[in-house]
Every structure is written in structure tokens, then in C-alpha cells.
Amino acid sequence: MQLLPVNLAYFLEVARTGSVTEAANALNVAPSAISRQIAKLESGVGVPLFARHPRGMTLTEAGSRLLAHARRTETESTALLEELRTGRGAQARSVAVACSEGFARRLVPRAVAGFRREHPDLAFRVDVVDRQEATRRVVEGLADVAVTYTMGPQHDVRVECAVVVPVAAIVPLGHELADRDRIGLADLCAYPLALAPPGTSQRELFDIGAQLEGITVRPALVCDSLAPQYEFVRAGGGLALVGDLGDIGQDTATEGVAYVPLDHPVFRQREAQVQTATGRRPSWPAAQFTELLVEALRRDRSS
């Protein structure tokens, strides 16, 4: 049984084979039927999806983007049919998320709340772990999706989305840096600092940046959790760092701190990624929630 619209099903086969004739043979339909559906699809979209050549057809940029959407739709349809046929739908009504702490502050819980407004019967488990552990859980099937920071290429997972997230200094309200548009690393290091421990991506990049600037830093507080760092800043102990995942622009009175963007190219080496498993079909809820996370991360960075 096929849940995809006919025009998308034909589009997928032509994209796969690169030929209307070969697609027609694979689907056991007339080539003219496929040509009509492709033409109708292109007319509806308003742009060409294929470039026609004497020896076949290749996707245009618009066609490539539609192909990614069609493949996701096909995967979700197949997973849904499997759940309906096997009766495993009830068992699939939960989604396991592994994420770094920065993503657990706002992005992930807000996405969970938004998704459950449309699917109130769905349950979530969110595990806050370090970046390597988040990826490992997806690879080993312990989590459906991971949202984490990475440095360098990832080979064991499917990267659904990757964006560079700026870093900001967390400063007390009324601090002399609070009204600055941005600060440099030397400005930051002139004050007592609360930093993540060595081995975390943010600390690795901070140490590299400090070394490049010739700055020697002795942190006032080293802590692997954000909550104590925030309280340290609120109490006037010094400054701290955080990835800008929806924090900058928050009500400073409510937060009790201000955020000032930190301008240094070293932090551009780190990406925020949404990761899923390669070669494993996600459940329908997991696939839908992954799309929501991707949209939330991209929207946050473009706003």
C-alpha cells in the first residue's frame, strides 16, 4: 500500500533512476503517465524539478529540495503503515531525546511542549548528557534523536541540521559590560570567570582562544552544570559563558543576568547539531519531532 501521492511516488522513481522510461518499467506504468504527473507537479510547484538531457534527467536545485522532503514523507508513511499493521503503535508513543545541557534549558523542552499540544498522548524522555554520550545513545538506539554540540565531521550518525551557535558572556545586571553590543576575549578575562571543565567543547575552544591571545586564565569556578554558574553570576561572583540558544533577548529582569555576545572566531568551529541514527527507520512520532527540533534550531539562529 502506498500513502504517497501518485505524483510524488513517480517523482521519487524518476529521481532514483534518472529516466522516465526506467521509472515506468519499475512501476509497471506507461511512460506517458509518469511524464504527465511530473509535468503536473512542476506546474503546481512553479519551477522545473528536472533538467532534461538526451540520456536522462537530473534534479534541479528545487528538485533536490523536494526529493529530501519526499524521502522523509516516504519514510514516515512506511513507518506508520508498519505500526498500523503490527499493532506496535502504542509502544511507539514515546520519544527518547539525548541532549547537552544548553539545549535542555529552552530549545528541547519548548519543542516537547509544542509537540504535545498537537499529540497529547505522546510521552517523552529527555536525558541531559555530555556531547559524546548524546551521540553514542543515538548510535546504539538508546535515543531517537540527539541535540548536541560537535566539533569536526560526524560519521556514525545522520546529521539532520548543523548550525554555528554564537557564544555569549553571562554578566550580572548593572555590570559595566552589560550594555556593550559585544566584547572580546580580553574583556571577558579581565573578570573572575566560571567555566565548564576541560574536555567540554566550549572549554576546549575557550582555552584555544586564550592561548592565541596570550591570556593566562585561572577560573574562579569550574563546574559541569549551568545552574551553579548562573547563580555565581547573579551573586556577583564573576562572569560565565553560554551558547546563545534562545538566551540573548530574554527578559533580563526575569533572568537576573544580562547576555553580551562574545566576539572571537575560535567559537565558530563548534556546531549545534540534530542527530539521528543511520540505517534505522524512526517511528512516526520520532521523525515528526526531529523535524520540529530542526525547525526550532534553524529559526532560533535566523531570528
C-alpha atoms as a PDB file:
ATOM      1  CA  MET A   1       0.000   0.000   0.000  1.00  0.00           C
ATOM      2  CA  GLN A   2       1.323   3.453  -0.916  1.00  0.00           C
ATOM      3  CA  LEU A   3       0.405   6.531   1.132  1.00  0.00           C
ATOM      4  CA  LEU A   4       2.407   8.949  -1.010  1.00  0.00           C
ATOM      5  CA  PRO A   5       0.507  10.968  -3.648  1.00  0.00           C
ATOM      6  CA  VAL A   6       0.963   9.464  -7.099  1.00  0.00           C
ATOM      7  CA  ASN A   7       2.911  12.442  -8.415  1.00  0.00           C
ATOM      8  CA  LEU A   8       5.413  12.224  -5.544  1.00  0.00           C
ATOM      9  CA  ALA A   9       5.778   8.460  -5.963  1.00  0.00           C
ATOM     10  CA  TYR A  10       6.515   8.922  -9.667  1.00  0.00           C
ATOM     11  CA  PHE A  11       8.860  11.819  -8.896  1.00  0.00           C
ATOM     12  CA  LEU A  12      10.844   9.651  -6.457  1.00  0.00           C
ATOM     13  CA  GLU A  13      11.273   6.872  -9.018  1.00  0.00           C
ATOM     14  CA  VAL A  14      12.402   9.231 -11.776  1.00  0.00           C
ATOM     15  CA  ALA A  15      14.863  10.833  -9.350  1.00  0.00           C
ATOM     16  CA  ARG A  16      16.172   7.379  -8.439  1.00  0.00           C
ATOM     17  CA  THR A  17      16.524   6.049 -11.991  1.00  0.00           C
ATOM     18  CA  GLY A  18      17.233   9.284 -13.853  1.00  0.00           C
ATOM     19  CA  SER A  19      14.851   8.237 -16.634  1.00  0.00           C
ATOM     20  CA  VAL A  20      11.114   8.324 -17.273  1.00  0.00           C
ATOM     21  CA  THR A  21      11.359   5.062 -19.224  1.00  0.00           C
ATOM     22  CA  GLU A  22      13.210   3.210 -16.461  1.00  0.00           C
ATOM     23  CA  ALA A  23      10.849   4.619 -13.840  1.00  0.00           C
ATOM     24  CA  ALA A  24       7.896   3.422 -15.906  1.00  0.00           C
ATOM     25  CA  ASN A  25       9.386  -0.085 -16.138  1.00  0.00           C
ATOM     26  CA  ALA A  26       9.982  -0.197 -12.393  1.00  0.00           C
ATOM     27  CA  LEU A  27       6.456   0.973 -11.582  1.00  0.00           C
ATOM     28  CA  ASN A  28       4.804  -1.007 -14.400  1.00  0.00           C
ATOM     29  CA  VAL A  29       3.004   2.016 -15.802  1.00  0.00           C
ATOM     30  CA  ALA A  30       3.118   3.843 -19.130  1.00  0.00           C
ATOM     31  CA  PRO A  31       5.897   6.415 -19.573  1.00  0.00           C
ATOM     32  CA  SER A  32       3.298   8.947 -20.674  1.00  0.00           C
ATOM     33  CA  ALA A  33       1.526   8.615 -17.305  1.00  0.00           C
ATOM     34  CA  ILE A  34       4.752   9.434 -15.479  1.00  0.00           C
ATOM     35  CA  SER A  35       5.514  12.345 -17.782  1.00  0.00           C
ATOM     36  CA  ARG A  36       2.037  13.803 -17.171  1.00  0.00           C
ATOM     37  CA  GLN A  37       2.401  13.537 -13.383  1.00  0.00           C
ATOM     38  CA  ILE A  38       5.863  15.122 -13.406  1.00  0.00           C
ATOM     39  CA  ALA A  39       4.616  17.955 -15.621  1.00  0.00           C
ATOM     40  CA  LYS A  40       1.636  18.489 -13.310  1.00  0.00           C
ATOM     41  CA  LEU A  41       3.924  18.530 -10.284  1.00  0.00           C
ATOM     42  CA  GLU A  42       6.270  21.063 -11.877  1.00  0.00           C
ATOM     43  CA  SER A  43       3.307  23.211 -12.883  1.00  0.00           C
ATOM     44  CA  GLY A  44       1.985  23.163  -9.343  1.00  0.00           C
ATOM     45  CA  VAL A  45       5.372  23.965  -7.809  1.00  0.00           C
ATOM     46  CA  GLY A  46       6.045  26.643 -10.406  1.00  0.00           C
ATOM     47  CA  VAL A  47       9.656  25.709 -11.183  1.00  0.00           C
ATOM     48  CA  PRO A  48      11.382  22.879 -13.103  1.00  0.00           C
ATOM     49  CA  LEU A  49      12.282  19.891 -10.944  1.00  0.00           C
ATOM     50  CA  PHE A  50      14.391  18.109 -13.552  1.00  0.00           C
ATOM     51  CA  ALA A  51      16.892  19.165 -16.193  1.00  0.00           C
ATOM     52  CA  ARG A  52      16.193  17.134 -19.357  1.00  0.00           C
ATOM     53  CA  HIS A  53      19.176  15.645 -21.193  1.00  0.00           C
ATOM     54  CA  PRO A  54      19.391  13.317 -24.230  1.00  0.00           C
ATOM     55  CA  ARG A  55      20.464  10.467 -21.931  1.00  0.00           C
ATOM     56  CA  GLY A  56      18.197  11.100 -18.977  1.00  0.00           C
ATOM     57  CA  MET A  57      17.081  13.563 -16.344  1.00  0.00           C
ATOM     58  CA  THR A  58      18.889  15.172 -13.410  1.00  0.00           C
ATOM     59  CA  LEU A  59      17.419  17.064 -10.494  1.00  0.00           C
ATOM     60  CA  THR A  60      17.493  20.839 -10.355  1.00  0.00           C
ATOM     61  CA  GLU A  61      18.182  22.570  -7.038  1.00  0.00           C
ATOM     62  CA  ALA A  62      14.426  22.776  -6.436  1.00  0.00           C
ATOM     63  CA  GLY A  63      14.112  19.112  -7.349  1.00  0.00           C
ATOM     64  CA  SER A  64      16.809  18.166  -4.826  1.00  0.00           C
ATOM     65  CA  ARG A  65      14.987  20.003  -2.072  1.00  0.00           C
ATOM     66  CA  LEU A  66      11.712  18.327  -2.981  1.00  0.00           C
ATOM     67  CA  LEU A  67      13.476  14.962  -3.069  1.00  0.00           C
ATOM     68  CA  ALA A  68      14.606  15.387   0.553  1.00  0.00           C
ATOM     69  CA  HIS A  69      11.027  16.177   1.561  1.00  0.00           C
ATOM     70  CA  ALA A  70       9.608  13.283  -0.435  1.00  0.00           C
ATOM     71  CA  ARG A  71      12.055  10.817   1.095  1.00  0.00           C
ATOM     72  CA  ARG A  72      11.144  11.951   4.615  1.00  0.00           C
ATOM     73  CA  THR A  73       7.470  11.610   3.754  1.00  0.00           C
ATOM     74  CA  GLU A  74       8.047   8.146   2.319  1.00  0.00           C
ATOM     75  CA  THR A  75       9.942   7.065   5.451  1.00  0.00           C
ATOM     76  CA  GLU A  76       7.233   8.362   7.748  1.00  0.00           C
ATOM     77  CA  SER A  77       4.492   6.720   5.673  1.00  0.00           C
ATOM     78  CA  THR A  78       6.292   3.381   5.723  1.00  0.00           C
ATOM     79  CA  ALA A  79       6.837   3.588   9.475  1.00  0.00           C
ATOM     80  CA  LEU A  80       3.203   4.492  10.073  1.00  0.00           C
ATOM     81  CA  LEU A  81       1.944   1.580   7.965  1.00  0.00           C
ATOM     82  CA  GLU A  82       4.232  -0.780   9.849  1.00  0.00           C
ATOM     83  CA  GLU A  83       2.870   0.452  13.171  1.00  0.00           C
ATOM     84  CA  LEU A  84      -0.706   0.065  11.990  1.00  0.00           C
ATOM     85  CA  ARG A  85      -0.145  -3.426  10.610  1.00  0.00           C
ATOM     86  CA  THR A  86       1.792  -4.807  13.552  1.00  0.00           C
ATOM     87  CA  GLY A  87      -0.152  -3.090  16.302  1.00  0.00           C
ATOM     88  CA  ARG A  88       3.023  -1.562  17.708  1.00  0.00           C
ATOM     89  CA  GLY A  89       1.611   1.940  17.548  1.00  0.00           C
ATOM     90  CA  ALA A  90       1.004   2.144  21.286  1.00  0.00           C
ATOM     91  CA  GLN A  91       4.592   1.076  22.025  1.00  0.00           C
ATOM     92  CA  ALA A  92       5.877   3.772  19.696  1.00  0.00           C
ATOM     93  CA  ARG A  93       4.053   6.575  21.516  1.00  0.00           C
ATOM     94  CA  SER A  94       7.188   7.791  23.217  1.00  0.00           C
ATOM     95  CA  VAL A  95      10.303   9.602  22.081  1.00  0.00           C
ATOM     96  CA  ALA A  96      13.720   9.459  23.754  1.00  0.00           C
ATOM     97  CA  VAL A  97      15.880  12.576  23.410  1.00  0.00           C
ATOM     98  CA  ALA A  98      19.527  12.931  24.432  1.00  0.00           C
ATOM     99  CA  CYS A  99      20.850  16.461  24.645  1.00  0.00           C
ATOM    100  CA  SER A 100      23.590  18.652  26.045  1.00  0.00           C
ATOM    101  CA  GLU A 101      22.631  20.869  28.961  1.00  0.00           C
ATOM    102  CA  GLY A 102      22.481  24.071  26.923  1.00  0.00           C
ATOM    103  CA  PHE A 103      19.735  22.602  24.748  1.00  0.00           C
ATOM    104  CA  ALA A 104      17.823  21.371  27.809  1.00  0.00           C
ATOM    105  CA  ARG A 105      17.350  24.920  29.112  1.00  0.00           C
ATOM    106  CA  ARG A 106      14.900  26.092  26.465  1.00  0.00           C
ATOM    107  CA  LEU A 107      15.059  24.583  22.986  1.00  0.00           C
ATOM    108  CA  VAL A 108      14.213  20.941  23.781  1.00  0.00           C
ATOM    109  CA  PRO A 109      11.552  21.444  26.491  1.00  0.00           C
ATOM    110  CA  ARG A 110       9.805  24.090  24.408  1.00  0.00           C
ATOM    111  CA  ALA A 111       9.790  21.750  21.411  1.00  0.00           C
ATOM    112  CA  VAL A 112       8.371  18.959  23.618  1.00  0.00           C
ATOM    113  CA  ALA A 113       5.615  21.243  24.922  1.00  0.00           C
ATOM    114  CA  GLY A 114       4.754  22.420  21.419  1.00  0.00           C
ATOM    115  CA  PHE A 115       4.642  18.890  20.018  1.00  0.00           C
ATOM    116  CA  ARG A 116       2.461  17.597  22.850  1.00  0.00           C
ATOM    117  CA  ARG A 117      -0.110  20.309  22.202  1.00  0.00           C
ATOM    118  CA  GLU A 118      -0.803  18.530  18.915  1.00  0.00           C
ATOM    119  CA  HIS A 119      -0.157  14.990  20.248  1.00  0.00           C
ATOM    120  CA  PRO A 120      -1.135  14.939  23.946  1.00  0.00           C
ATOM    121  CA  ASP A 121      -0.920  11.131  24.168  1.00  0.00           C
ATOM    122  CA  LEU A 122       2.804  11.162  23.383  1.00  0.00           C
ATOM    123  CA  ALA A 123       5.371  10.803  26.192  1.00  0.00           C
ATOM    124  CA  PHE A 124       8.987  11.960  26.172  1.00  0.00           C
ATOM    125  CA  ARG A 125      12.181  11.057  27.985  1.00  0.00           C
ATOM    126  CA  VAL A 126      14.893  13.702  27.906  1.00  0.00           C
ATOM    127  CA  ASP A 127      18.347  12.720  29.142  1.00  0.00           C
ATOM    128  CA  VAL A 128      20.840  15.537  29.713  1.00  0.00           C
ATOM    129  CA  VAL A 129      24.296  14.131  28.953  1.00  0.00           C
ATOM    130  CA  ASP A 130      27.622  15.270  27.523  1.00  0.00           C
ATOM    131  CA  ARG A 131      28.094  15.635  23.772  1.00  0.00           C
ATOM    132  CA  GLN A 132      29.834  12.298  23.166  1.00  0.00           C
ATOM    133  CA  GLU A 133      27.236  10.425  25.205  1.00  0.00           C
ATOM    134  CA  ALA A 134      24.350  12.066  23.346  1.00  0.00           C
ATOM    135  CA  THR A 135      25.748  10.849  20.030  1.00  0.00           C
ATOM    136  CA  ARG A 136      26.510   7.388  21.427  1.00  0.00           C
ATOM    137  CA  ARG A 137      22.933   6.947  22.595  1.00  0.00           C
ATOM    138  CA  VAL A 138      21.604   7.626  19.103  1.00  0.00           C
ATOM    139  CA  VAL A 139      24.136   5.276  17.500  1.00  0.00           C
ATOM    140  CA  GLU A 140      23.245   2.463  19.912  1.00  0.00           C
ATOM    141  CA  GLY A 141      19.497   3.006  19.688  1.00  0.00           C
ATOM    142  CA  LEU A 142      19.102   4.283  23.256  1.00  0.00           C
ATOM    143  CA  ALA A 143      17.768   7.616  21.991  1.00  0.00           C
ATOM    144  CA  ASP A 144      15.669   8.501  18.959  1.00  0.00           C
ATOM    145  CA  VAL A 145      17.343  11.867  18.447  1.00  0.00           C
ATOM    146  CA  ALA A 146      20.241  13.845  19.893  1.00  0.00           C
ATOM    147  CA  VAL A 147      20.721  17.599  20.087  1.00  0.00           C
ATOM    148  CA  THR A 148      24.291  18.415  20.937  1.00  0.00           C
ATOM    149  CA  TYR A 149      27.416  20.388  20.176  1.00  0.00           C
ATOM    150  CA  THR A 150      30.105  18.914  17.948  1.00  0.00           C
ATOM    151  CA  MET A 151      33.498  19.817  16.561  1.00  0.00           C
ATOM    152  CA  GLY A 152      34.601  18.155  13.344  1.00  0.00           C
ATOM    153  CA  PRO A 153      32.724  15.801  10.971  1.00  0.00           C
ATOM    154  CA  GLN A 154      30.356  13.141  12.287  1.00  0.00           C
ATOM    155  CA  HIS A 155      30.424   9.715  10.616  1.00  0.00           C
ATOM    156  CA  ASP A 156      28.265   7.404  12.761  1.00  0.00           C
ATOM    157  CA  VAL A 157      25.044   9.427  12.740  1.00  0.00           C
ATOM    158  CA  ARG A 158      22.810  11.228  10.292  1.00  0.00           C
ATOM    159  CA  VAL A 159      23.137  14.988  10.803  1.00  0.00           C
ATOM    160  CA  GLU A 160      19.673  16.433  10.235  1.00  0.00           C
ATOM    161  CA  CYS A 161      20.753  20.012  10.912  1.00  0.00           C
ATOM    162  CA  ALA A 162      24.008  21.795  11.763  1.00  0.00           C
ATOM    163  CA  VAL A 163      24.355  25.467  12.681  1.00  0.00           C
ATOM    164  CA  VAL A 164      27.048  27.565  14.316  1.00  0.00           C
ATOM    165  CA  VAL A 165      25.792  28.915  17.642  1.00  0.00           C
ATOM    166  CA  PRO A 166      27.406  32.143  18.911  1.00  0.00           C
ATOM    167  CA  VAL A 167      28.711  32.323  22.463  1.00  0.00           C
ATOM    168  CA  ALA A 168      27.708  34.995  24.965  1.00  0.00           C
ATOM    169  CA  ALA A 169      29.043  36.171  28.293  1.00  0.00           C
ATOM    170  CA  ILE A 170      26.622  35.934  31.219  1.00  0.00           C
ATOM    171  CA  VAL A 171      27.057  39.101  33.288  1.00  0.00           C
ATOM    172  CA  PRO A 172      25.287  40.456  36.384  1.00  0.00           C
ATOM    173  CA  LEU A 173      22.627  43.124  35.911  1.00  0.00           C
ATOM    174  CA  GLY A 174      24.187  46.557  36.167  1.00  0.00           C
ATOM    175  CA  HIS A 175      27.665  45.260  35.331  1.00  0.00           C
ATOM    176  CA  GLU A 176      29.843  47.650  33.332  1.00  0.00           C
ATOM    177  CA  LEU A 177      29.863  45.226  30.377  1.00  0.00           C
ATOM    178  CA  ALA A 178      26.088  44.641  30.388  1.00  0.00           C
ATOM    179  CA  ASP A 179      25.297  47.417  27.895  1.00  0.00           C
ATOM    180  CA  ARG A 180      28.031  46.517  25.402  1.00  0.00           C
ATOM    181  CA  ASP A 181      26.975  45.270  21.950  1.00  0.00           C
ATOM    182  CA  ARG A 182      29.762  42.676  22.086  1.00  0.00           C
ATOM    183  CA  ILE A 183      33.018  42.027  23.888  1.00  0.00           C
ATOM    184  CA  GLY A 184      36.345  40.387  23.097  1.00  0.00           C
ATOM    185  CA  LEU A 185      38.074  37.588  24.934  1.00  0.00           C
ATOM    186  CA  ALA A 186      40.423  40.014  26.704  1.00  0.00           C
ATOM    187  CA  ASP A 187      37.432  41.993  28.008  1.00  0.00           C
ATOM    188  CA  LEU A 188      35.903  38.814  29.403  1.00  0.00           C
ATOM    189  CA  CYS A 189      39.094  37.543  31.001  1.00  0.00           C
ATOM    190  CA  ALA A 190      39.594  40.749  32.951  1.00  0.00           C
ATOM    191  CA  TYR A 191      36.988  39.438  35.436  1.00  0.00           C
ATOM    192  CA  PRO A 192      36.651  36.291  37.571  1.00  0.00           C
ATOM    193  CA  LEU A 193      35.209  33.503  35.417  1.00  0.00           C
ATOM    194  CA  ALA A 194      33.022  30.450  35.895  1.00  0.00           C
ATOM    195  CA  LEU A 195      33.937  27.922  33.204  1.00  0.00           C
ATOM    196  CA  ALA A 196      32.986  24.428  32.123  1.00  0.00           C
ATOM    197  CA  PRO A 197      35.567  21.730  32.918  1.00  0.00           C
ATOM    198  CA  PRO A 198      38.293  20.702  30.448  1.00  0.00           C
ATOM    199  CA  GLY A 199      37.040  18.239  27.837  1.00  0.00           C
ATOM    200  CA  THR A 200      33.841  20.118  27.024  1.00  0.00           C
ATOM    201  CA  SER A 201      33.677  21.735  23.589  1.00  0.00           C
ATOM    202  CA  GLN A 202      33.151  25.234  24.943  1.00  0.00           C
ATOM    203  CA  ARG A 203      36.114  24.953  27.330  1.00  0.00           C
ATOM    204  CA  GLU A 204      38.364  23.491  24.630  1.00  0.00           C
ATOM    205  CA  LEU A 205      37.649  26.431  22.337  1.00  0.00           C
ATOM    206  CA  PHE A 206      37.953  28.959  25.154  1.00  0.00           C
ATOM    207  CA  ASP A 207      41.392  27.606  26.077  1.00  0.00           C
ATOM    208  CA  ILE A 208      42.497  27.723  22.426  1.00  0.00           C
ATOM    209  CA  GLY A 209      41.294  31.322  22.110  1.00  0.00           C
ATOM    210  CA  ALA A 210      43.003  32.365  25.331  1.00  0.00           C
ATOM    211  CA  GLN A 211      46.260  30.770  24.177  1.00  0.00           C
ATOM    212  CA  LEU A 212      46.051  32.551  20.817  1.00  0.00           C
ATOM    213  CA  GLU A 213      45.513  35.861  22.613  1.00  0.00           C
ATOM    214  CA  GLY A 214      48.343  35.184  25.049  1.00  0.00           C
ATOM    215  CA  ILE A 215      45.949  35.311  28.032  1.00  0.00           C
ATOM    216  CA  THR A 216      46.507  33.223  31.141  1.00  0.00           C
ATOM    217  CA  VAL A 217      43.247  32.354  32.860  1.00  0.00           C
ATOM    218  CA  ARG A 218      42.717  30.837  36.280  1.00  0.00           C
ATOM    219  CA  PRO A 219      38.948  30.210  36.600  1.00  0.00           C
ATOM    220  CA  ALA A 220      37.282  31.269  39.816  1.00  0.00           C
ATOM    221  CA  LEU A 221      34.800  28.402  39.427  1.00  0.00           C
ATOM    222  CA  VAL A 222      34.906  25.214  37.347  1.00  0.00           C
ATOM    223  CA  CYS A 223      31.547  23.459  37.106  1.00  0.00           C
ATOM    224  CA  ASP A 224      29.962  20.992  34.676  1.00  0.00           C
ATOM    225  CA  SER A 225      26.448  22.363  35.228  1.00  0.00           C
ATOM    226  CA  LEU A 226      24.973  25.681  34.110  1.00  0.00           C
ATOM    227  CA  ALA A 227      22.728  26.315  37.129  1.00  0.00           C
ATOM    228  CA  PRO A 228      25.594  26.942  39.601  1.00  0.00           C
ATOM    229  CA  GLN A 229      27.350  29.139  37.060  1.00  0.00           C
ATOM    230  CA  TYR A 230      24.219  31.280  36.656  1.00  0.00           C
ATOM    231  CA  GLU A 231      23.868  31.631  40.427  1.00  0.00           C
ATOM    232  CA  PHE A 232      27.563  32.502  40.710  1.00  0.00           C
ATOM    233  CA  VAL A 233      26.995  35.345  38.226  1.00  0.00           C
ATOM    234  CA  ARG A 234      23.776  36.544  39.892  1.00  0.00           C
ATOM    235  CA  ALA A 235      25.561  36.667  43.244  1.00  0.00           C
ATOM    236  CA  GLY A 236      28.242  38.925  41.785  1.00  0.00           C
ATOM    237  CA  GLY A 237      30.995  36.327  41.754  1.00  0.00           C
ATOM    238  CA  GLY A 238      32.058  36.988  38.172  1.00  0.00           C
ATOM    239  CA  LEU A 239      31.098  36.136  34.597  1.00  0.00           C
ATOM    240  CA  ALA A 240      30.337  32.905  32.738  1.00  0.00           C
ATOM    241  CA  LEU A 241      29.782  31.660  29.182  1.00  0.00           C
ATOM    242  CA  VAL A 242      26.787  30.138  27.434  1.00  0.00           C
ATOM    243  CA  GLY A 243      25.859  29.194  23.873  1.00  0.00           C
ATOM    244  CA  ASP A 244      23.178  31.525  22.527  1.00  0.00           C
ATOM    245  CA  LEU A 245      20.290  29.054  22.294  1.00  0.00           C
ATOM    246  CA  GLY A 246      17.443  31.485  22.774  1.00  0.00           C
ATOM    247  CA  ASP A 247      19.032  33.152  25.795  1.00  0.00           C
ATOM    248  CA  ILE A 248      20.005  36.502  24.336  1.00  0.00           C
ATOM    249  CA  GLY A 249      16.888  38.624  24.133  1.00  0.00           C
ATOM    250  CA  GLN A 250      15.243  37.090  27.183  1.00  0.00           C
ATOM    251  CA  ASP A 251      13.803  39.383  29.856  1.00  0.00           C
ATOM    252  CA  THR A 252      16.882  40.325  31.865  1.00  0.00           C
ATOM    253  CA  ALA A 253      14.812  41.189  34.920  1.00  0.00           C
ATOM    254  CA  THR A 254      13.353  37.696  34.972  1.00  0.00           C
ATOM    255  CA  GLU A 255      16.693  36.029  34.312  1.00  0.00           C
ATOM    256  CA  GLY A 256      18.610  38.156  36.762  1.00  0.00           C
ATOM    257  CA  VAL A 257      21.513  38.353  34.306  1.00  0.00           C
ATOM    258  CA  ALA A 258      22.385  40.036  31.027  1.00  0.00           C
ATOM    259  CA  TYR A 259      23.894  38.430  27.927  1.00  0.00           C
ATOM    260  CA  VAL A 260      26.657  40.037  25.876  1.00  0.00           C
ATOM    261  CA  PRO A 261      27.822  38.383  22.615  1.00  0.00           C
ATOM    262  CA  LEU A 262      31.458  37.242  22.724  1.00  0.00           C
ATOM    263  CA  ASP A 263      33.304  38.059  19.513  1.00  0.00           C
ATOM    264  CA  HIS A 264      36.077  35.576  18.742  1.00  0.00           C
ATOM    265  CA  PRO A 265      36.469  33.407  15.608  1.00  0.00           C
ATOM    266  CA  VAL A 266      37.571  30.338  17.578  1.00  0.00           C
ATOM    267  CA  PHE A 267      33.994  29.667  18.682  1.00  0.00           C
ATOM    268  CA  ARG A 268      32.849  29.318  15.069  1.00  0.00           C
ATOM    269  CA  GLN A 269      34.484  25.885  14.995  1.00  0.00           C
ATOM    270  CA  ARG A 270      31.637  24.437  17.052  1.00  0.00           C
ATOM    271  CA  GLU A 271      28.267  23.401  15.599  1.00  0.00           C
ATOM    272  CA  ALA A 272      24.940  22.641  17.183  1.00  0.00           C
ATOM    273  CA  GLN A 273      23.547  19.503  15.561  1.00  0.00           C
ATOM    274  CA  VAL A 274      20.348  17.476  15.486  1.00  0.00           C
ATOM    275  CA  GLN A 275      21.400  13.844  15.030  1.00  0.00           C
ATOM    276  CA  THR A 276      19.508  10.635  14.224  1.00  0.00           C
ATOM    277  CA  ALA A 277      20.613   7.079  13.522  1.00  0.00           C
ATOM    278  CA  THR A 278      21.765   5.967  10.098  1.00  0.00           C
ATOM    279  CA  GLY A 279      20.173   2.840   8.658  1.00  0.00           C
ATOM    280  CA  ARG A 280      17.394   2.698  11.238  1.00  0.00           C
ATOM    281  CA  ARG A 281      13.819   3.718  10.449  1.00  0.00           C
ATOM    282  CA  PRO A 282      12.430   6.120  13.057  1.00  0.00           C
ATOM    283  CA  SER A 283       8.944   5.808  14.469  1.00  0.00           C
ATOM    284  CA  TRP A 284       6.449   8.311  13.121  1.00  0.00           C
ATOM    285  CA  PRO A 285       6.476  10.424  16.337  1.00  0.00           C
ATOM    286  CA  ALA A 286      10.288  10.439  16.431  1.00  0.00           C
ATOM    287  CA  ALA A 287      10.504  11.523  12.784  1.00  0.00           C
ATOM    288  CA  GLN A 288       7.971  14.308  13.300  1.00  0.00           C
ATOM    289  CA  PHE A 289       9.616  15.541  16.481  1.00  0.00           C
ATOM    290  CA  THR A 290      13.035  15.547  14.806  1.00  0.00           C
ATOM    291  CA  GLU A 291      11.652  17.853  12.114  1.00  0.00           C
ATOM    292  CA  LEU A 292      10.297  20.148  14.817  1.00  0.00           C
ATOM    293  CA  LEU A 293      13.722  20.289  16.512  1.00  0.00           C
ATOM    294  CA  VAL A 294      15.384  21.121  13.195  1.00  0.00           C
ATOM    295  CA  GLU A 295      12.911  23.942  12.565  1.00  0.00           C
ATOM    296  CA  ALA A 296      13.349  25.279  16.105  1.00  0.00           C
ATOM    297  CA  LEU A 297      17.145  25.317  15.866  1.00  0.00           C
ATOM    298  CA  ARG A 298      17.173  26.990  12.463  1.00  0.00           C
ATOM    299  CA  ARG A 299      14.521  29.509  13.492  1.00  0.00           C
ATOM    300  CA  ASP A 300      16.439  30.415  16.638  1.00  0.00           C
ATOM    301  CA  ARG A 301      19.583  31.113  14.634  1.00  0.00           C
ATOM    302  CA  SER A 302      17.813  33.145  11.943  1.00  0.00           C
ATOM    303  CA  SER A 303      15.844  35.320  14.354  1.00  0.00           C
END
